[in-house]
Amino acid sequence: MANDEPRSRYLEVPGARLYHEVRGAGPLLVLTGVPMGTGGFAQIAPLLADAFTVVTYDPRGTFRSTVEDPSRETSVEVLADDLRRLLSSLGAGPAHVFGNSGGAVTGLALVARHPGLVRAFVAHEPPLPALLPDGERLRAAIGAVCEAYESEGRAAALKLYAAVTGIERFSQPPRARQAVSHPEAFTPPTDTRAILDRFFRHLLRPVASYRPDLAALRASATRIVVAGGSTSRGQLAHRASVALADGLGADVVDFPGGHTGFQEEPREFARVLTRSLTAMV
């Protein structure tokens, strides 16, 4: 395993400043999540650094990445443009990209608009109600989650979020969740309330409302791998992975664990991810 410490950097982008970390050597691999930042990938990034130059970053307005106007909702298109600028700044040619949850939605928007920047993209459980037959109901339920955050507080919103997504750990007491870094208990330590404010007020609705451009994705030169967790079947994001794969004429690749399997089973997850990124077409 590459044991070099990550190199910390900042990138100025329109309206924000992105914190990111670089480690390892080899082909460029960017790991992205929303609202998950660098800390969410702390277990798996070193495991990938033997084979790749691994880049993780904090999305605008979260953790160490600042935003000029924190009151504005952040669209998926803006998140994808941030990722585009980050990839371009790294100057290592087409990159491999792994996106989890909202990061997978971000990656789909990037690949649809700028396929030349991405060699292979693994979309792991993008929450895309727009692709599901009960999408309107799910979007309304997600809206209710955001409203509950404002009117009833954090605990009520997290409980509703768990009910909508099927990820039960969010309804558990904080102590039972402390090893999981999405969306409440992240490493490095940060202000939980600030992250939840950002997530429920400015990120969740736009991500959950996004409809991917399936025609552009099918026409893209980027090799797209749609991934789902082996223990998350039936949950919103896994269902969306199945629908996305159907829309692309592909199969869902089984990855270890659930929605954040790279935290639950990082070594096996890293092996499956490496195979998926480097497999010949």
C-alpha atoms as a PDB file:
ATOM      1  CA  MET A   1       0.000   0.000   0.000  1.00  0.00           C
ATOM      2  CA  ALA A   2       1.248   3.465  -0.829  1.00  0.00           C
ATOM      3  CA  ASN A   3       1.820   5.146   2.536  1.00  0.00           C
ATOM      4  CA  ASP A   4       2.663   8.677   1.442  1.00  0.00           C
ATOM      5  CA  GLU A   5       0.644  11.405   3.111  1.00  0.00           C
ATOM      6  CA  PRO A   6      -1.919  13.103   0.864  1.00  0.00           C
ATOM      7  CA  ARG A   7      -0.930  16.457  -0.599  1.00  0.00           C
ATOM      8  CA  SER A   8      -3.485  19.123   0.318  1.00  0.00           C
ATOM      9  CA  ARG A   9      -4.426  21.728  -2.283  1.00  0.00           C
ATOM     10  CA  TYR A  10      -7.035  24.378  -3.059  1.00  0.00           C
ATOM     11  CA  LEU A  11      -8.571  25.303  -6.409  1.00  0.00           C
ATOM     12  CA  GLU A  12     -10.368  28.568  -7.099  1.00  0.00           C
ATOM     13  CA  VAL A  13     -13.570  28.050  -9.117  1.00  0.00           C
ATOM     14  CA  PRO A  14     -16.359  30.535  -9.876  1.00  0.00           C
ATOM     15  CA  GLY A  15     -18.088  31.301  -6.596  1.00  0.00           C
ATOM     16  CA  ALA A  16     -16.136  28.809  -4.501  1.00  0.00           C
ATOM     17  CA  ARG A  17     -12.786  27.439  -3.375  1.00  0.00           C
ATOM     18  CA  LEU A  18     -12.367  23.652  -3.520  1.00  0.00           C
ATOM     19  CA  TYR A  19     -10.214  21.759  -1.047  1.00  0.00           C
ATOM     20  CA  HIS A  20      -8.765  18.534  -2.435  1.00  0.00           C
ATOM     21  CA  GLU A  21      -6.169  15.903  -1.584  1.00  0.00           C
ATOM     22  CA  VAL A  22      -3.853  13.982  -3.908  1.00  0.00           C
ATOM     23  CA  ARG A  23      -2.032  10.752  -3.071  1.00  0.00           C
ATOM     24  CA  GLY A  24      -0.405   7.794  -4.797  1.00  0.00           C
ATOM     25  CA  ALA A  25       0.897   7.400  -8.348  1.00  0.00           C
ATOM     26  CA  GLY A  26      -0.441   6.071 -11.611  1.00  0.00           C
ATOM     27  CA  PRO A  27      -3.506   6.901 -13.719  1.00  0.00           C
ATOM     28  CA  LEU A  28      -5.708   9.645 -12.320  1.00  0.00           C
ATOM     29  CA  LEU A  29      -8.716   8.512 -10.254  1.00  0.00           C
ATOM     30  CA  VAL A  30     -11.104  11.028  -8.681  1.00  0.00           C
ATOM     31  CA  LEU A  31     -13.515   9.916  -5.957  1.00  0.00           C
ATOM     32  CA  THR A  32     -16.572  12.114  -5.546  1.00  0.00           C
ATOM     33  CA  GLY A  33     -19.550  12.197  -3.226  1.00  0.00           C
ATOM     34  CA  VAL A  34     -22.207  14.750  -2.268  1.00  0.00           C
ATOM     35  CA  PRO A  35     -22.230  15.907   0.474  1.00  0.00           C
ATOM     36  CA  MET A  36     -19.458  13.467   1.366  1.00  0.00           C
ATOM     37  CA  GLY A  37     -15.998  14.971   1.224  1.00  0.00           C
ATOM     38  CA  THR A  38     -12.447  13.702   1.533  1.00  0.00           C
ATOM     39  CA  GLY A  39     -13.087  12.159   4.953  1.00  0.00           C
ATOM     40  CA  GLY A  40     -15.760   9.846   3.607  1.00  0.00           C
ATOM     41  CA  PHE A  41     -13.172   8.139   1.396  1.00  0.00           C
ATOM     42  CA  ALA A  42     -10.445   8.006   4.058  1.00  0.00           C
ATOM     43  CA  GLN A  43     -10.507   4.207   4.296  1.00  0.00           C
ATOM     44  CA  ILE A  44     -10.481   3.363   0.610  1.00  0.00           C
ATOM     45  CA  ALA A  45      -8.292   6.114  -0.870  1.00  0.00           C
ATOM     46  CA  PRO A  46      -4.999   4.706   0.531  1.00  0.00           C
ATOM     47  CA  LEU A  47      -5.935   1.234  -0.735  1.00  0.00           C
ATOM     48  CA  LEU A  48      -6.280   2.598  -4.275  1.00  0.00           C
ATOM     49  CA  ALA A  49      -3.106   4.682  -4.158  1.00  0.00           C
ATOM     50  CA  ASP A  50      -0.831   1.802  -5.232  1.00  0.00           C
ATOM     51  CA  ALA A  51      -2.526   1.664  -8.634  1.00  0.00           C
ATOM     52  CA  PHE A  52      -3.790   5.235  -9.091  1.00  0.00           C
ATOM     53  CA  THR A  53      -3.135   8.859  -8.368  1.00  0.00           C
ATOM     54  CA  VAL A  54      -6.160   9.268  -6.123  1.00  0.00           C
ATOM     55  CA  VAL A  55      -7.883  12.626  -5.722  1.00  0.00           C
ATOM     56  CA  THR A  56     -10.616  13.306  -3.181  1.00  0.00           C
ATOM     57  CA  TYR A  57     -12.272  16.661  -2.549  1.00  0.00           C
ATOM     58  CA  ASP A  58     -14.854  18.492  -0.478  1.00  0.00           C
ATOM     59  CA  PRO A  59     -17.798  19.741  -2.579  1.00  0.00           C
ATOM     60  CA  ARG A  60     -18.364  23.483  -2.534  1.00  0.00           C
ATOM     61  CA  GLY A  61     -19.752  24.758   0.733  1.00  0.00           C
ATOM     62  CA  THR A  62     -18.836  21.639   2.725  1.00  0.00           C
ATOM     63  CA  PHE A  63     -15.964  20.973   5.133  1.00  0.00           C
ATOM     64  CA  ARG A  64     -12.889  22.880   3.925  1.00  0.00           C
ATOM     65  CA  SER A  65     -14.381  24.016   0.604  1.00  0.00           C
ATOM     66  CA  THR A  66     -15.923  27.463   0.839  1.00  0.00           C
ATOM     67  CA  VAL A  67     -18.688  29.095  -1.183  1.00  0.00           C
ATOM     68  CA  GLU A  68     -19.231  32.812  -1.704  1.00  0.00           C
ATOM     69  CA  ASP A  69     -23.022  32.713  -1.333  1.00  0.00           C
ATOM     70  CA  PRO A  70     -23.976  29.955   1.120  1.00  0.00           C
ATOM     71  CA  SER A  71     -27.671  30.854   0.883  1.00  0.00           C
ATOM     72  CA  ARG A  72     -28.016  29.684  -2.725  1.00  0.00           C
ATOM     73  CA  GLU A  73     -29.093  26.185  -3.738  1.00  0.00           C
ATOM     74  CA  THR A  74     -26.338  24.352  -5.621  1.00  0.00           C
ATOM     75  CA  SER A  75     -27.429  22.727  -8.882  1.00  0.00           C
ATOM     76  CA  VAL A  76     -26.056  19.454 -10.198  1.00  0.00           C
ATOM     77  CA  GLU A  77     -24.752  21.384 -13.198  1.00  0.00           C
ATOM     78  CA  VAL A  78     -22.661  23.608 -10.906  1.00  0.00           C
ATOM     79  CA  LEU A  79     -21.339  20.581  -9.032  1.00  0.00           C
ATOM     80  CA  ALA A  80     -20.419  18.952 -12.356  1.00  0.00           C
ATOM     81  CA  ASP A  81     -18.667  22.117 -13.521  1.00  0.00           C
ATOM     82  CA  ASP A  82     -16.638  22.160 -10.305  1.00  0.00           C
ATOM     83  CA  LEU A  83     -15.573  18.585 -11.031  1.00  0.00           C
ATOM     84  CA  ARG A  84     -14.751  19.528 -14.629  1.00  0.00           C
ATOM     85  CA  ARG A  85     -12.515  22.364 -13.445  1.00  0.00           C
ATOM     86  CA  LEU A  86     -10.834  20.111 -10.894  1.00  0.00           C
ATOM     87  CA  LEU A  87     -10.091  17.463 -13.536  1.00  0.00           C
ATOM     88  CA  SER A  88      -8.770  20.096 -15.941  1.00  0.00           C
ATOM     89  CA  SER A  89      -6.520  21.588 -13.268  1.00  0.00           C
ATOM     90  CA  LEU A  90      -4.898  18.219 -12.589  1.00  0.00           C
ATOM     91  CA  GLY A  91      -3.676  18.018 -16.188  1.00  0.00           C
ATOM     92  CA  ALA A  92      -3.316  14.240 -16.377  1.00  0.00           C
ATOM     93  CA  GLY A  93      -5.481  13.508 -19.413  1.00  0.00           C
ATOM     94  CA  PRO A  94      -8.767  11.593 -19.262  1.00  0.00           C
ATOM     95  CA  ALA A  95      -9.381  10.435 -15.704  1.00  0.00           C
ATOM     96  CA  HIS A  96     -11.073   7.524 -14.047  1.00  0.00           C
ATOM     97  CA  VAL A  97     -13.943   8.725 -11.838  1.00  0.00           C
ATOM     98  CA  PHE A  98     -15.869   6.968  -9.078  1.00  0.00           C
ATOM     99  CA  GLY A  99     -19.034   8.674  -7.882  1.00  0.00           C
ATOM    100  CA  ASN A 100     -21.146   7.612  -4.927  1.00  0.00           C
ATOM    101  CA  SER A 101     -24.697   8.820  -4.263  1.00  0.00           C
ATOM    102  CA  GLY A 102     -24.862  12.543  -5.130  1.00  0.00           C
ATOM    103  CA  GLY A 103     -21.333  12.229  -6.479  1.00  0.00           C
ATOM    104  CA  ALA A 104     -22.594   9.629  -8.948  1.00  0.00           C
ATOM    105  CA  VAL A 105     -25.267  12.111 -10.076  1.00  0.00           C
ATOM    106  CA  THR A 106     -22.539  14.755 -10.450  1.00  0.00           C
ATOM    107  CA  GLY A 107     -20.453  12.362 -12.546  1.00  0.00           C
ATOM    108  CA  LEU A 108     -23.368  11.546 -14.845  1.00  0.00           C
ATOM    109  CA  ALA A 109     -23.874  15.247 -15.531  1.00  0.00           C
ATOM    110  CA  LEU A 110     -20.146  15.652 -16.198  1.00  0.00           C
ATOM    111  CA  VAL A 111     -19.925  12.693 -18.586  1.00  0.00           C
ATOM    112  CA  ALA A 112     -23.016  13.838 -20.502  1.00  0.00           C
ATOM    113  CA  ARG A 113     -21.468  17.280 -21.064  1.00  0.00           C
ATOM    114  CA  HIS A 114     -17.714  16.603 -21.148  1.00  0.00           C
ATOM    115  CA  PRO A 115     -17.097  12.942 -22.009  1.00  0.00           C
ATOM    116  CA  GLY A 116     -13.551  13.633 -23.173  1.00  0.00           C
ATOM    117  CA  LEU A 117     -12.460  14.310 -19.610  1.00  0.00           C
ATOM    118  CA  VAL A 118     -13.418  10.873 -18.303  1.00  0.00           C
ATOM    119  CA  ARG A 119     -11.947   7.552 -19.442  1.00  0.00           C
ATOM    120  CA  ALA A 120     -14.123   5.317 -17.238  1.00  0.00           C
ATOM    121  CA  PHE A 121     -16.842   6.261 -14.781  1.00  0.00           C
ATOM    122  CA  VAL A 122     -18.340   4.094 -12.045  1.00  0.00           C
ATOM    123  CA  ALA A 123     -21.756   5.413 -10.960  1.00  0.00           C
ATOM    124  CA  HIS A 124     -22.437   3.831  -7.573  1.00  0.00           C
ATOM    125  CA  GLU A 125     -26.040   4.135  -6.429  1.00  0.00           C
ATOM    126  CA  PRO A 126     -27.063   7.560  -7.801  1.00  0.00           C
ATOM    127  CA  PRO A 127     -30.354   8.616  -6.137  1.00  0.00           C
ATOM    128  CA  LEU A 128     -32.417   9.407  -9.249  1.00  0.00           C
ATOM    129  CA  PRO A 129     -36.166   9.375  -8.536  1.00  0.00           C
ATOM    130  CA  ALA A 130     -36.783  10.741 -12.054  1.00  0.00           C
ATOM    131  CA  LEU A 131     -35.926   7.300 -13.472  1.00  0.00           C
ATOM    132  CA  LEU A 132     -38.369   5.419 -11.229  1.00  0.00           C
ATOM    133  CA  PRO A 133     -42.092   4.792 -11.786  1.00  0.00           C
ATOM    134  CA  ASP A 134     -42.871   6.239  -8.352  1.00  0.00           C
ATOM    135  CA  GLY A 135     -40.527   9.177  -8.892  1.00  0.00           C
ATOM    136  CA  GLU A 136     -43.115  11.880  -8.224  1.00  0.00           C
ATOM    137  CA  ARG A 137     -43.979  10.336  -4.877  1.00  0.00           C
ATOM    138  CA  LEU A 138     -40.306  10.050  -3.977  1.00  0.00           C
ATOM    139  CA  ARG A 139     -39.554  13.657  -4.911  1.00  0.00           C
ATOM    140  CA  ALA A 140     -42.499  14.803  -2.799  1.00  0.00           C
ATOM    141  CA  ALA A 141     -41.237  12.700   0.098  1.00  0.00           C
ATOM    142  CA  ILE A 142     -37.769  14.208  -0.227  1.00  0.00           C
ATOM    143  CA  GLY A 143     -39.338  17.657  -0.212  1.00  0.00           C
ATOM    144  CA  ALA A 144     -41.081  16.688   3.021  1.00  0.00           C
ATOM    145  CA  VAL A 145     -37.716  15.660   4.488  1.00  0.00           C
ATOM    146  CA  CYS A 146     -36.298  19.107   3.746  1.00  0.00           C
ATOM    147  CA  GLU A 147     -39.390  20.785   5.200  1.00  0.00           C
ATOM    148  CA  ALA A 148     -39.151  18.654   8.325  1.00  0.00           C
ATOM    149  CA  TYR A 149     -35.568  19.774   8.801  1.00  0.00           C
ATOM    150  CA  GLU A 150     -36.765  23.388   8.939  1.00  0.00           C
ATOM    151  CA  SER A 151     -39.857  22.834  11.061  1.00  0.00           C
ATOM    152  CA  GLU A 152     -39.018  19.840  13.277  1.00  0.00           C
ATOM    153  CA  GLY A 153     -35.222  19.673  13.363  1.00  0.00           C
ATOM    154  CA  ARG A 154     -32.408  17.299  12.605  1.00  0.00           C
ATOM    155  CA  ALA A 155     -33.651  14.112  14.259  1.00  0.00           C
ATOM    156  CA  ALA A 156     -37.027  14.226  12.520  1.00  0.00           C
ATOM    157  CA  ALA A 157     -35.474  14.940   9.135  1.00  0.00           C
ATOM    158  CA  LEU A 158     -32.956  12.111   9.456  1.00  0.00           C
ATOM    159  CA  LYS A 159     -35.699   9.689  10.444  1.00  0.00           C
ATOM    160  CA  LEU A 160     -37.783  10.652   7.405  1.00  0.00           C
ATOM    161  CA  TYR A 161     -34.704  10.504   5.193  1.00  0.00           C
ATOM    162  CA  ALA A 162     -34.069   6.957   6.366  1.00  0.00           C
ATOM    163  CA  ALA A 163     -37.652   6.013   5.582  1.00  0.00           C
ATOM    164  CA  VAL A 164     -37.475   7.440   2.056  1.00  0.00           C
ATOM    165  CA  THR A 165     -34.046   6.080   1.148  1.00  0.00           C
ATOM    166  CA  GLY A 166     -34.264   2.757   2.983  1.00  0.00           C
ATOM    167  CA  ILE A 167     -30.931   3.382   4.703  1.00  0.00           C
ATOM    168  CA  GLU A 168     -31.922   2.574   8.270  1.00  0.00           C
ATOM    169  CA  ARG A 169     -28.729   3.671   9.986  1.00  0.00           C
ATOM    170  CA  PHE A 170     -29.804   7.315   9.643  1.00  0.00           C
ATOM    171  CA  SER A 171     -32.656   6.691  12.096  1.00  0.00           C
ATOM    172  CA  GLN A 172     -30.299   5.240  14.721  1.00  0.00           C
ATOM    173  CA  PRO A 173     -28.808   7.249  17.605  1.00  0.00           C
ATOM    174  CA  PRO A 174     -25.668   9.239  16.651  1.00  0.00           C
ATOM    175  CA  ARG A 175     -23.374   6.956  18.701  1.00  0.00           C
ATOM    176  CA  ALA A 176     -24.393   3.974  16.558  1.00  0.00           C
ATOM    177  CA  ARG A 177     -23.590   5.941  13.416  1.00  0.00           C
ATOM    178  CA  GLN A 178     -20.273   7.459  14.410  1.00  0.00           C
ATOM    179  CA  ALA A 179     -18.173   5.140  12.197  1.00  0.00           C
ATOM    180  CA  VAL A 180     -20.224   6.077   9.103  1.00  0.00           C
ATOM    181  CA  SER A 181     -19.387   9.313   7.348  1.00  0.00           C
ATOM    182  CA  HIS A 182     -22.542   9.958   5.291  1.00  0.00           C
ATOM    183  CA  PRO A 183     -24.251  12.270   5.815  1.00  0.00           C
ATOM    184  CA  GLU A 184     -23.849  13.120   9.509  1.00  0.00           C
ATOM    185  CA  ALA A 185     -20.682  11.626  10.998  1.00  0.00           C
ATOM    186  CA  PHE A 186     -17.778  12.641   8.778  1.00  0.00           C
ATOM    187  CA  THR A 187     -14.037  12.584   9.256  1.00  0.00           C
ATOM    188  CA  PRO A 188     -12.226  14.904   9.678  1.00  0.00           C
ATOM    189  CA  PRO A 189     -14.445  16.321  12.451  1.00  0.00           C
ATOM    190  CA  THR A 190     -16.583  19.261  11.429  1.00  0.00           C
ATOM    191  CA  ASP A 191     -19.677  21.158  12.469  1.00  0.00           C
ATOM    192  CA  THR A 192     -22.499  18.635  12.031  1.00  0.00           C
ATOM    193  CA  ARG A 193     -25.165  21.298  11.920  1.00  0.00           C
ATOM    194  CA  ALA A 194     -23.378  23.186   9.130  1.00  0.00           C
ATOM    195  CA  ILE A 195     -23.143  20.054   6.987  1.00  0.00           C
ATOM    196  CA  LEU A 196     -26.769  19.114   7.562  1.00  0.00           C
ATOM    197  CA  ASP A 197     -27.823  22.691   6.800  1.00  0.00           C
ATOM    198  CA  ARG A 198     -25.942  22.493   3.534  1.00  0.00           C
ATOM    199  CA  PHE A 199     -27.342  19.063   2.686  1.00  0.00           C
ATOM    200  CA  PHE A 200     -31.007  19.551   3.550  1.00  0.00           C
ATOM    201  CA  ARG A 201     -31.276  23.204   2.488  1.00  0.00           C
ATOM    202  CA  HIS A 202     -29.075  23.454  -0.596  1.00  0.00           C
ATOM    203  CA  LEU A 203     -28.090  20.037  -2.003  1.00  0.00           C
ATOM    204  CA  LEU A 204     -30.686  17.311  -1.466  1.00  0.00           C
ATOM    205  CA  ARG A 205     -33.513  18.721  -3.603  1.00  0.00           C
ATOM    206  CA  PRO A 206     -31.412  19.544  -6.685  1.00  0.00           C
ATOM    207  CA  VAL A 207     -29.666  16.175  -6.621  1.00  0.00           C
ATOM    208  CA  ALA A 208     -32.920  14.262  -6.145  1.00  0.00           C
ATOM    209  CA  SER A 209     -34.616  16.272  -8.928  1.00  0.00           C
ATOM    210  CA  TYR A 210     -31.941  15.653 -11.545  1.00  0.00           C
ATOM    211  CA  ARG A 211     -32.841  13.718 -14.699  1.00  0.00           C
ATOM    212  CA  PRO A 212     -29.780  12.336 -16.522  1.00  0.00           C
ATOM    213  CA  ASP A 213     -29.439  12.760 -20.278  1.00  0.00           C
ATOM    214  CA  LEU A 214     -29.566   9.083 -21.205  1.00  0.00           C
ATOM    215  CA  ALA A 215     -29.115   9.741 -24.928  1.00  0.00           C
ATOM    216  CA  ALA A 216     -25.917  11.709 -24.300  1.00  0.00           C
ATOM    217  CA  LEU A 217     -24.643   9.059 -21.914  1.00  0.00           C
ATOM    218  CA  ARG A 218     -25.324   6.262 -24.406  1.00  0.00           C
ATOM    219  CA  ALA A 219     -23.464   8.218 -27.097  1.00  0.00           C
ATOM    220  CA  SER A 220     -20.526   9.050 -24.841  1.00  0.00           C
ATOM    221  CA  ALA A 221     -17.074   7.610 -25.462  1.00  0.00           C
ATOM    222  CA  THR A 222     -16.691   7.272 -21.700  1.00  0.00           C
ATOM    223  CA  ARG A 223     -17.058   3.716 -20.443  1.00  0.00           C
ATOM    224  CA  ILE A 224     -19.828   3.857 -17.841  1.00  0.00           C
ATOM    225  CA  VAL A 225     -20.183   1.193 -15.160  1.00  0.00           C
ATOM    226  CA  VAL A 226     -23.390   1.266 -13.123  1.00  0.00           C
ATOM    227  CA  ALA A 227     -22.866  -0.163  -9.634  1.00  0.00           C
ATOM    228  CA  GLY A 228     -25.147  -1.232  -6.804  1.00  0.00           C
ATOM    229  CA  GLY A 229     -24.489  -2.502  -3.309  1.00  0.00           C
ATOM    230  CA  SER A 230     -24.907  -6.192  -2.591  1.00  0.00           C
ATOM    231  CA  THR A 231     -26.840  -5.406   0.608  1.00  0.00           C
ATOM    232  CA  SER A 232     -28.893  -2.409  -0.561  1.00  0.00           C
ATOM    233  CA  ARG A 233     -31.271  -4.002  -3.068  1.00  0.00           C
ATOM    234  CA  GLY A 234     -34.715  -2.453  -2.884  1.00  0.00           C
ATOM    235  CA  GLN A 235     -33.465   0.865  -1.523  1.00  0.00           C
ATOM    236  CA  LEU A 236     -34.089   4.037  -3.519  1.00  0.00           C
ATOM    237  CA  ALA A 237     -30.542   4.460  -4.798  1.00  0.00           C
ATOM    238  CA  HIS A 238     -30.129   0.790  -5.757  1.00  0.00           C
ATOM    239  CA  ARG A 239     -33.461   0.867  -7.587  1.00  0.00           C
ATOM    240  CA  ALA A 240     -32.226   3.933  -9.447  1.00  0.00           C
ATOM    241  CA  SER A 241     -29.026   2.090 -10.396  1.00  0.00           C
ATOM    242  CA  VAL A 242     -31.131  -0.668 -11.939  1.00  0.00           C
ATOM    243  CA  ALA A 243     -33.230   1.873 -13.848  1.00  0.00           C
ATOM    244  CA  LEU A 244     -30.111   3.732 -15.025  1.00  0.00           C
ATOM    245  CA  ALA A 245     -28.504   0.514 -16.241  1.00  0.00           C
ATOM    246  CA  ASP A 246     -31.702  -0.361 -18.125  1.00  0.00           C
ATOM    247  CA  GLY A 247     -31.669   3.072 -19.751  1.00  0.00           C
ATOM    248  CA  LEU A 248     -28.068   2.615 -20.834  1.00  0.00           C
ATOM    249  CA  GLY A 249     -28.510  -0.974 -22.013  1.00  0.00           C
ATOM    250  CA  ALA A 250     -26.104  -2.218 -19.348  1.00  0.00           C
ATOM    251  CA  ASP A 251     -26.055  -4.472 -16.313  1.00  0.00           C
ATOM    252  CA  VAL A 252     -25.665  -3.430 -12.689  1.00  0.00           C
ATOM    253  CA  VAL A 253     -22.292  -4.512 -11.307  1.00  0.00           C
ATOM    254  CA  ASP A 254     -22.518  -5.873  -7.768  1.00  0.00           C
ATOM    255  CA  PHE A 255     -20.261  -4.062  -5.287  1.00  0.00           C
ATOM    256  CA  PRO A 256     -19.646  -5.157  -1.686  1.00  0.00           C
ATOM    257  CA  GLY A 257     -21.778  -3.735   1.093  1.00  0.00           C
ATOM    258  CA  GLY A 258     -24.500  -1.154   0.961  1.00  0.00           C
ATOM    259  CA  HIS A 259     -24.821   2.466  -0.101  1.00  0.00           C
ATOM    260  CA  THR A 260     -21.404   3.288   1.374  1.00  0.00           C
ATOM    261  CA  GLY A 261     -19.802  -0.117   0.943  1.00  0.00           C
ATOM    262  CA  PHE A 262     -16.360   1.459   0.573  1.00  0.00           C
ATOM    263  CA  GLN A 263     -16.581   2.256   4.297  1.00  0.00           C
ATOM    264  CA  GLU A 264     -18.092  -1.086   5.302  1.00  0.00           C
ATOM    265  CA  GLU A 265     -15.796  -3.371   3.276  1.00  0.00           C
ATOM    266  CA  PRO A 266     -13.035  -1.103   1.951  1.00  0.00           C
ATOM    267  CA  ARG A 267     -10.514  -3.758   0.841  1.00  0.00           C
ATOM    268  CA  GLU A 268     -12.950  -5.846  -1.175  1.00  0.00           C
ATOM    269  CA  PHE A 269     -14.621  -2.711  -2.492  1.00  0.00           C
ATOM    270  CA  ALA A 270     -11.248  -1.404  -3.690  1.00  0.00           C
ATOM    271  CA  ARG A 271     -10.583  -4.664  -5.524  1.00  0.00           C
ATOM    272  CA  VAL A 272     -13.946  -4.599  -7.302  1.00  0.00           C
ATOM    273  CA  LEU A 273     -13.580  -0.920  -8.152  1.00  0.00           C
ATOM    274  CA  THR A 274     -10.096  -1.430  -9.599  1.00  0.00           C
ATOM    275  CA  ARG A 275     -11.348  -4.316 -11.754  1.00  0.00           C
ATOM    276  CA  SER A 276     -14.312  -2.259 -12.948  1.00  0.00           C
ATOM    277  CA  LEU A 277     -12.183   0.736 -13.883  1.00  0.00           C
ATOM    278  CA  THR A 278      -9.458  -1.178 -15.683  1.00  0.00           C
ATOM    279  CA  ALA A 279     -11.475  -3.952 -17.394  1.00  0.00           C
ATOM    280  CA  MET A 280     -11.170  -4.118 -21.149  1.00  0.00           C
ATOM    281  CA  VAL A 281     -14.320  -3.344 -23.115  1.00  0.00           C
END
